Structures are given as C-alpha cells and as structure tokens.
C-alpha cells in the first residue's frame, strides 16, 4: 500500500512540475530579417513574396549588392571564399566546404 501511495505522490509531483507546450512568445514577422541579392531578379521577387505573404515590415528587408569573392586570413593562411549562385555549398581556395 505504501508503494502505491508513494507512486501516486511521485506522479502528482510530476504533473505539478510539467509545463504544457504553448505558442506563447513565438517570434512574429517583426522579428524576421529577409536578405536578398539585388543583382538577381528572382532573389528580389522571392524577397517581396515573403514580405507580402508573411507580413514582414519593409524595414526588415535588406538587399546586398556587389557580392564578390572575399579573401579571409585564418592562422596566417589566406583563403578565398566565393559566392556562387545556385551552389549548394560555398568552397574556399582549397576546395573545402565552408557552409
């Protein structure tokens, strides 16, 4: 009998401390930043689509232009990081996947 009461007591404590999942504090459209490449028409079209469909404020839409390869020095070794449209991964000058 004591074991049953102890088990029920533990179950009761678990119910008291368990927190139900809620949708409280989910970030809204005002917390989203949309970044697009202004040199590619389809990129701007997609950015505008998300802006309109998701209700993202115009202030949170940012374009990037003049995207070029970048030279980054890490531990004395210079790597060239290139941005390529349609590539699944960016690669540095040693053909290592960067992202």
N, C-alpha and C. Protein backbone atom coordinates (compact mmCIF):
# COMPACT_ATOMS: atom_id res chain seq x y z
N UNK A 1 0.82 -1.20 0.00
CA UNK A 1 0.00 0.00 0.00
C UNK A 1 0.87 1.26 0.00
N UNK A 2 1.95 1.22 0.79
CA UNK A 2 2.85 2.37 0.85
C UNK A 2 3.49 2.64 -0.51
N UNK A 3 3.78 1.57 -1.22
CA UNK A 3 4.41 1.72 -2.53
C UNK A 3 3.45 2.38 -3.53
N UNK A 4 2.19 2.02 -3.44
CA UNK A 4 1.20 2.61 -4.33
C UNK A 4 1.03 4.09 -4.02
N UNK A 5 0.95 4.43 -2.73
CA UNK A 5 0.82 5.84 -2.34
C UNK A 5 2.06 6.63 -2.75
N UNK A 6 3.23 6.04 -2.59
CA UNK A 6 4.46 6.71 -2.99
C UNK A 6 4.47 6.95 -4.50
N UNK A 7 4.05 5.94 -5.28
CA UNK A 7 3.98 6.07 -6.73
C UNK A 7 3.00 7.18 -7.13
N UNK A 8 1.84 7.22 -6.50
CA UNK A 8 0.85 8.26 -6.80
C UNK A 8 1.37 9.64 -6.43
N UNK A 9 2.11 9.72 -5.31
CA UNK A 9 2.69 11.00 -4.90
C UNK A 9 3.71 11.50 -5.94
N UNK A 10 4.54 10.58 -6.42
CA UNK A 10 5.53 10.94 -7.44
C UNK A 10 4.83 11.39 -8.72
N UNK A 11 3.76 10.69 -9.12
CA UNK A 11 3.00 11.08 -10.31
C UNK A 11 2.39 12.47 -10.13
N UNK A 12 1.89 12.75 -8.95
CA UNK A 12 1.31 14.05 -8.65
C UNK A 12 2.37 15.15 -8.77
N UNK A 13 3.56 14.90 -8.23
CA UNK A 13 4.65 15.88 -8.33
C UNK A 13 5.05 16.11 -9.79
N UNK A 14 5.06 15.06 -10.57
CA UNK A 14 5.40 15.20 -11.99
C UNK A 14 4.38 16.06 -12.71
N UNK A 15 3.12 15.88 -12.37
CA UNK A 15 2.08 16.69 -13.00
C UNK A 15 2.18 18.16 -12.62
N UNK A 16 2.58 18.42 -11.39
CA UNK A 16 2.72 19.81 -10.94
C UNK A 16 3.88 20.51 -11.63
N UNK A 17 4.96 19.79 -11.85
CA UNK A 17 6.16 20.43 -12.41
C UNK A 17 6.18 20.42 -13.93
N UNK A 18 5.35 19.60 -14.56
CA UNK A 18 5.32 19.54 -16.02
C UNK A 18 4.71 20.82 -16.58
N UNK A 19 5.33 21.36 -17.60
CA UNK A 19 4.82 22.56 -18.25
C UNK A 19 4.28 22.19 -19.61
N UNK A 20 3.10 22.62 -19.87
CA UNK A 20 2.50 22.36 -21.19
C UNK A 20 3.16 23.24 -22.23
N UNK A 21 3.34 22.69 -23.42
CA UNK A 21 3.89 23.49 -24.50
C UNK A 21 2.82 24.46 -25.00
N UNK A 22 3.23 25.69 -25.16
CA UNK A 22 2.30 26.70 -25.66
C UNK A 22 2.94 27.42 -26.84
N UNK A 23 2.16 28.21 -27.49
CA UNK A 23 2.66 29.03 -28.59
C UNK A 23 2.98 30.44 -28.12
N UNK A 24 3.14 30.62 -26.82
CA UNK A 24 3.47 31.94 -26.28
C UNK A 24 4.89 32.32 -26.67
N UNK A 25 5.09 33.58 -26.92
CA UNK A 25 6.41 34.16 -27.22
C UNK A 25 7.03 33.65 -28.51
N UNK A 26 6.23 33.23 -29.46
CA UNK A 26 6.76 32.86 -30.77
C UNK A 26 7.07 34.15 -31.53
N UNK A 27 8.28 34.26 -32.10
CA UNK A 27 8.62 35.48 -32.82
C UNK A 27 7.67 35.74 -33.99
N UNK A 28 7.31 36.98 -34.16
CA UNK A 28 6.42 37.37 -35.24
C UNK A 28 7.19 37.92 -36.43
N UNK A 29 6.47 38.41 -37.44
CA UNK A 29 7.11 38.93 -38.65
C UNK A 29 8.07 40.09 -38.38
N UNK A 30 7.82 40.82 -37.31
CA UNK A 30 8.70 41.95 -36.99
C UNK A 30 10.07 41.49 -36.51
N UNK A 31 10.22 40.18 -36.25
CA UNK A 31 11.50 39.62 -35.80
C UNK A 31 12.23 38.88 -36.91
N UNK A 32 11.78 39.03 -38.16
CA UNK A 32 12.38 38.33 -39.30
C UNK A 32 13.15 39.32 -40.16
N UNK A 33 14.34 38.94 -40.57
CA UNK A 33 15.12 39.75 -41.50
C UNK A 33 15.25 38.97 -42.80
N UNK A 34 14.84 39.58 -43.91
CA UNK A 34 14.95 38.97 -45.23
C UNK A 34 16.10 39.66 -45.96
N UNK A 35 17.10 38.88 -46.35
CA UNK A 35 18.26 39.41 -47.07
C UNK A 35 18.25 38.79 -48.46
N UNK A 36 18.42 39.63 -49.49
CA UNK A 36 18.42 39.12 -50.85
C UNK A 36 19.50 39.79 -51.68
N UNK A 37 19.86 39.13 -52.79
CA UNK A 37 20.88 39.61 -53.70
C UNK A 37 20.21 40.52 -54.73
N UNK A 38 20.51 41.80 -54.70
CA UNK A 38 19.85 42.75 -55.59
C UNK A 38 20.29 42.60 -57.05
N UNK A 39 21.35 41.85 -57.31
CA UNK A 39 21.82 41.66 -58.67
C UNK A 39 21.08 40.54 -59.40
N UNK A 40 20.22 39.83 -58.69
CA UNK A 40 19.47 38.72 -59.29
C UNK A 40 17.99 39.00 -59.13
N UNK A 41 17.29 39.12 -60.26
CA UNK A 41 15.86 39.47 -60.24
C UNK A 41 15.03 38.50 -59.41
N UNK A 42 15.27 37.21 -59.58
CA UNK A 42 14.46 36.22 -58.87
C UNK A 42 14.65 36.33 -57.36
N UNK A 43 15.80 36.76 -56.92
CA UNK A 43 16.05 36.92 -55.50
C UNK A 43 15.15 38.01 -54.91
N UNK A 44 15.03 39.13 -55.64
CA UNK A 44 14.15 40.22 -55.20
C UNK A 44 12.68 39.82 -55.24
N UNK A 45 12.31 39.03 -56.24
CA UNK A 45 10.92 38.57 -56.35
C UNK A 45 10.57 37.68 -55.15
N UNK A 46 11.48 36.80 -54.78
CA UNK A 46 11.25 35.92 -53.64
C UNK A 46 11.18 36.72 -52.35
N UNK A 47 12.05 37.71 -52.20
CA UNK A 47 12.03 38.55 -51.00
C UNK A 47 10.70 39.28 -50.88
N UNK A 48 10.21 39.84 -51.98
CA UNK A 48 8.92 40.53 -51.95
C UNK A 48 7.77 39.58 -51.67
N UNK A 49 7.87 38.36 -52.19
CA UNK A 49 6.84 37.36 -51.91
C UNK A 49 6.73 37.11 -50.40
N UNK A 50 7.88 36.84 -49.76
CA UNK A 50 7.86 36.59 -48.32
C UNK A 50 7.42 37.81 -47.54
N UNK A 51 7.81 38.98 -48.00
CA UNK A 51 7.40 40.21 -47.33
C UNK A 51 5.88 40.32 -47.33
N UNK A 52 5.26 40.07 -48.47
CA UNK A 52 3.81 40.21 -48.59
C UNK A 52 3.05 39.08 -47.91
N UNK A 53 3.49 37.84 -48.12
CA UNK A 53 2.77 36.69 -47.58
C UNK A 53 2.90 36.61 -46.06
N UNK A 54 4.07 36.89 -45.54
CA UNK A 54 4.33 36.76 -44.10
C UNK A 54 4.11 38.06 -43.33
N UNK A 55 3.84 39.15 -44.05
CA UNK A 55 3.60 40.43 -43.37
C UNK A 55 4.86 41.01 -42.74
N UNK A 56 6.00 40.80 -43.38
CA UNK A 56 7.27 41.30 -42.85
C UNK A 56 7.38 42.79 -43.17
N UNK A 57 7.70 43.61 -42.18
CA UNK A 57 7.82 45.06 -42.42
C UNK A 57 8.92 45.39 -43.43
N UNK A 58 8.71 46.44 -44.21
CA UNK A 58 9.69 46.86 -45.21
C UNK A 58 11.04 47.17 -44.59
N UNK A 59 11.03 47.62 -43.35
CA UNK A 59 12.28 47.92 -42.64
C UNK A 59 13.13 46.67 -42.47
N UNK A 60 12.51 45.50 -42.49
CA UNK A 60 13.23 44.24 -42.26
C UNK A 60 13.64 43.56 -43.57
N UNK A 61 13.58 44.27 -44.68
CA UNK A 61 14.01 43.73 -45.97
C UNK A 61 15.33 44.42 -46.33
N UNK A 62 16.37 43.61 -46.56
CA UNK A 62 17.69 44.18 -46.82
C UNK A 62 18.28 43.56 -48.08
N UNK A 63 18.78 44.40 -48.98
CA UNK A 63 19.40 43.88 -50.19
C UNK A 63 20.92 43.97 -50.06
N UNK A 64 21.57 43.03 -50.71
CA UNK A 64 23.03 43.04 -50.79
C UNK A 64 23.40 43.19 -52.26
N UNK A 65 24.38 44.02 -52.52
CA UNK A 65 24.87 44.16 -53.88
C UNK A 65 26.39 44.12 -53.87
N UNK A 66 26.97 44.05 -55.02
CA UNK A 66 28.42 43.96 -55.16
C UNK A 66 28.99 42.76 -54.41
N UNK A 67 28.29 41.63 -54.52
CA UNK A 67 28.79 40.42 -53.88
C UNK A 67 29.94 39.87 -54.70
N UNK A 68 31.10 39.82 -54.10
CA UNK A 68 32.29 39.33 -54.78
C UNK A 68 32.99 38.31 -53.89
N UNK A 69 34.01 37.68 -54.45
CA UNK A 69 34.81 36.76 -53.66
C UNK A 69 35.52 37.55 -52.56
N UNK A 70 35.75 36.89 -51.44
CA UNK A 70 36.42 37.55 -50.32
C UNK A 70 37.66 36.75 -49.94
N UNK A 71 38.72 37.45 -49.58
CA UNK A 71 39.92 36.81 -49.06
C UNK A 71 39.89 36.92 -47.54
N UNK A 72 40.00 35.78 -46.89
CA UNK A 72 39.96 35.73 -45.43
C UNK A 72 41.23 35.04 -44.96
N UNK A 73 41.92 35.64 -44.00
CA UNK A 73 43.14 35.06 -43.46
C UNK A 73 42.84 34.42 -42.11
N UNK A 74 43.13 33.13 -42.01
CA UNK A 74 42.92 32.40 -40.77
C UNK A 74 44.23 31.72 -40.40
N UNK A 75 44.74 32.05 -39.24
CA UNK A 75 46.00 31.49 -38.76
C UNK A 75 47.12 31.65 -39.78
N UNK A 76 47.20 32.82 -40.40
CA UNK A 76 48.25 33.11 -41.35
C UNK A 76 48.06 32.54 -42.74
N UNK A 77 46.96 31.82 -42.97
CA UNK A 77 46.69 31.24 -44.29
C UNK A 77 45.53 32.00 -44.91
N UNK A 78 45.74 32.51 -46.13
CA UNK A 78 44.69 33.26 -46.82
C UNK A 78 43.82 32.31 -47.62
N UNK A 79 42.52 32.42 -47.42
CA UNK A 79 41.53 31.61 -48.13
C UNK A 79 40.66 32.55 -48.95
N UNK A 80 40.30 32.12 -50.14
CA UNK A 80 39.36 32.87 -50.96
C UNK A 80 38.01 32.19 -50.87
N UNK A 81 37.02 32.93 -50.39
CA UNK A 81 35.67 32.40 -50.26
C UNK A 81 34.84 33.01 -51.38
N UNK A 82 34.27 32.16 -52.21
CA UNK A 82 33.50 32.63 -53.34
C UNK A 82 32.02 32.38 -53.16
N UNK A 83 31.22 33.33 -53.60
CA UNK A 83 29.77 33.18 -53.57
C UNK A 83 29.31 32.84 -54.97
N UNK A 84 28.61 31.74 -55.12
CA UNK A 84 28.16 31.29 -56.42
C UNK A 84 26.66 31.06 -56.39
N UNK A 85 25.96 31.62 -57.34
CA UNK A 85 24.51 31.44 -57.44
C UNK A 85 24.20 29.99 -57.76
N UNK A 86 23.29 29.40 -57.01
CA UNK A 86 22.85 28.05 -57.28
C UNK A 86 23.73 26.96 -56.71
N UNK A 87 24.82 27.32 -56.07
CA UNK A 87 25.69 26.31 -55.48
C UNK A 87 25.11 25.87 -54.14
N UNK A 88 25.21 24.57 -53.88
CA UNK A 88 24.72 24.07 -52.61
C UNK A 88 25.63 24.48 -51.46
N UNK A 89 26.92 24.52 -51.73
CA UNK A 89 27.88 24.89 -50.70
C UNK A 89 28.90 25.85 -51.30
N UNK A 90 29.37 26.76 -50.48
CA UNK A 90 30.46 27.63 -50.89
C UNK A 90 31.77 26.92 -50.58
N UNK A 91 32.78 27.13 -51.42
CA UNK A 91 34.06 26.47 -51.21
C UNK A 91 35.16 27.51 -51.16
N UNK A 92 36.18 27.24 -50.37
CA UNK A 92 37.30 28.15 -50.32
C UNK A 92 38.37 27.74 -51.33
N UNK A 93 39.49 28.44 -51.33
CA UNK A 93 40.52 28.21 -52.35
C UNK A 93 41.14 26.81 -52.26
N UNK A 94 40.95 26.13 -51.16
CA UNK A 94 41.48 24.76 -51.01
C UNK A 94 40.40 23.72 -51.28
N UNK A 95 39.26 24.16 -51.84
CA UNK A 95 38.13 23.30 -52.18
C UNK A 95 37.50 22.65 -50.95
N UNK A 96 37.66 23.27 -49.81
CA UNK A 96 36.99 22.79 -48.60
C UNK A 96 35.62 23.46 -48.51
N UNK A 97 34.62 22.69 -48.12
CA UNK A 97 33.28 23.23 -47.99
C UNK A 97 33.23 24.18 -46.81
N UNK A 98 32.71 25.39 -47.04
CA UNK A 98 32.65 26.40 -45.99
C UNK A 98 31.27 26.51 -45.35
N UNK A 99 30.23 26.18 -46.04
CA UNK A 99 28.93 26.40 -45.45
C UNK A 99 27.88 25.50 -45.97
